[in-house]
């Protein structure tokens, strides 16, 4: 993706799914860009970790080059 890359925490896999107020324990993250209408949904694999769920979620965003959460 190019432009301003955005990550949205979500309870589902579609853009009209509810936002998830949790960060590290959200089930899904949706990646999109303001420059295009496309999006990609990725399961947050760290959500069930005993420790470090937030750190794992943050690393996922860093790896994807997210500019805004």
C-alpha atoms as a PDB file:
ATOM      1  CA  UNK A   1       0.000   0.000   0.000  1.00  0.00           C
ATOM      2  CA  UNK A   2       1.105   3.522  -0.625  1.00  0.00           C
ATOM      3  CA  UNK A   3       0.092   6.816   0.940  1.00  0.00           C
ATOM      4  CA  UNK A   4      -1.152   7.041   4.523  1.00  0.00           C
ATOM      5  CA  UNK A   5      -1.392   3.451   5.796  1.00  0.00           C
ATOM      6  CA  UNK A   6      -4.050   2.920   8.448  1.00  0.00           C
ATOM      7  CA  UNK A   7      -4.781   0.016  10.786  1.00  0.00           C
ATOM      8  CA  UNK A   8      -8.214  -0.545  12.316  1.00  0.00           C
ATOM      9  CA  UNK A   9      -8.843  -3.013  15.146  1.00  0.00           C
ATOM     10  CA  UNK A  10     -11.932  -5.024  14.307  1.00  0.00           C
ATOM     11  CA  UNK A  11     -14.288  -7.736  15.530  1.00  0.00           C
ATOM     12  CA  UNK A  12     -14.746  -9.021  11.968  1.00  0.00           C
ATOM     13  CA  UNK A  13     -13.176  -9.255   8.557  1.00  0.00           C
ATOM     14  CA  UNK A  14     -15.116  -6.582   6.658  1.00  0.00           C
ATOM     15  CA  UNK A  15     -14.840  -2.791   6.635  1.00  0.00           C
ATOM     16  CA  UNK A  16     -18.348  -2.531   8.091  1.00  0.00           C
ATOM     17  CA  UNK A  17     -17.465  -4.794  11.052  1.00  0.00           C
ATOM     18  CA  UNK A  18     -17.525  -3.263  14.522  1.00  0.00           C
ATOM     19  CA  UNK A  19     -14.405  -1.638  15.864  1.00  0.00           C
ATOM     20  CA  UNK A  20     -12.705  -3.547  18.648  1.00  0.00           C
ATOM     21  CA  UNK A  21     -11.726  -1.208  21.509  1.00  0.00           C
ATOM     22  CA  UNK A  22      -8.909  -3.572  22.478  1.00  0.00           C
ATOM     23  CA  UNK A  23      -5.564  -3.373  20.727  1.00  0.00           C
ATOM     24  CA  UNK A  24      -3.418  -6.335  21.730  1.00  0.00           C
ATOM     25  CA  UNK A  25      -6.392  -8.661  22.180  1.00  0.00           C
ATOM     26  CA  UNK A  26      -8.431  -7.690  19.110  1.00  0.00           C
ATOM     27  CA  UNK A  27      -9.269 -10.632  16.865  1.00  0.00           C
ATOM     28  CA  UNK A  28      -8.706  -8.885  13.530  1.00  0.00           C
ATOM     29  CA  UNK A  29      -6.771  -5.934  12.184  1.00  0.00           C
ATOM     30  CA  UNK A  30      -7.750  -4.248   8.947  1.00  0.00           C
ATOM     31  CA  UNK A  31      -5.061  -2.527   6.908  1.00  0.00           C
ATOM     32  CA  UNK A  32      -6.079   0.136   4.403  1.00  0.00           C
ATOM     33  CA  UNK A  33      -4.742   3.241   2.717  1.00  0.00           C
ATOM     34  CA  UNK A  34      -6.438   6.595   2.232  1.00  0.00           C
ATOM     35  CA  UNK A  35      -5.186   6.595  -1.376  1.00  0.00           C
ATOM     36  CA  UNK A  36      -7.143   3.515  -2.450  1.00  0.00           C
ATOM     37  CA  UNK A  37     -10.383   1.799  -1.557  1.00  0.00           C
ATOM     38  CA  UNK A  38      -8.843  -1.626  -1.002  1.00  0.00           C
ATOM     39  CA  UNK A  39      -8.183  -3.227   2.364  1.00  0.00           C
ATOM     40  CA  UNK A  40      -6.594  -6.357   3.814  1.00  0.00           C
ATOM     41  CA  UNK A  41      -7.794  -8.166   6.923  1.00  0.00           C
ATOM     42  CA  UNK A  42      -5.280 -10.089   9.038  1.00  0.00           C
ATOM     43  CA  UNK A  43      -5.948 -12.259  12.086  1.00  0.00           C
ATOM     44  CA  UNK A  44      -4.139 -11.003  15.192  1.00  0.00           C
ATOM     45  CA  UNK A  45      -2.242 -14.175  16.066  1.00  0.00           C
ATOM     46  CA  UNK A  46      -0.924 -12.696  19.321  1.00  0.00           C
ATOM     47  CA  UNK A  47      -4.395 -12.159  20.817  1.00  0.00           C
ATOM     48  CA  UNK A  48      -4.333 -15.422  22.801  1.00  0.00           C
ATOM     49  CA  UNK A  49      -0.797 -15.049  24.128  1.00  0.00           C
ATOM     50  CA  UNK A  50      -0.434 -15.287  27.876  1.00  0.00           C
ATOM     51  CA  UNK A  51       1.938 -12.318  27.817  1.00  0.00           C
ATOM     52  CA  UNK A  52       2.983  -9.726  25.281  1.00  0.00           C
ATOM     53  CA  UNK A  53      -0.178  -9.548  23.136  1.00  0.00           C
ATOM     54  CA  UNK A  54       0.180  -5.789  22.792  1.00  0.00           C
ATOM     55  CA  UNK A  55       3.837  -6.032  21.861  1.00  0.00           C
ATOM     56  CA  UNK A  56       3.083  -8.645  19.198  1.00  0.00           C
ATOM     57  CA  UNK A  57       0.258  -6.515  17.781  1.00  0.00           C
ATOM     58  CA  UNK A  58       2.534  -3.460  17.712  1.00  0.00           C
ATOM     59  CA  UNK A  59       5.211  -5.448  15.874  1.00  0.00           C
ATOM     60  CA  UNK A  60       2.635  -6.493  13.257  1.00  0.00           C
ATOM     61  CA  UNK A  61       1.826  -2.815  12.624  1.00  0.00           C
ATOM     62  CA  UNK A  62       5.509  -1.889  12.428  1.00  0.00           C
ATOM     63  CA  UNK A  63       6.183  -4.721   9.980  1.00  0.00           C
ATOM     64  CA  UNK A  64       3.308  -3.479   7.791  1.00  0.00           C
ATOM     65  CA  UNK A  65       4.473   0.149   7.813  1.00  0.00           C
ATOM     66  CA  UNK A  66       1.329   1.502   9.460  1.00  0.00           C
ATOM     67  CA  UNK A  67       1.190   5.283   9.904  1.00  0.00           C
ATOM     68  CA  UNK A  68      -1.997   5.532  11.965  1.00  0.00           C
ATOM     69  CA  UNK A  69      -4.002   3.261  14.283  1.00  0.00           C
END
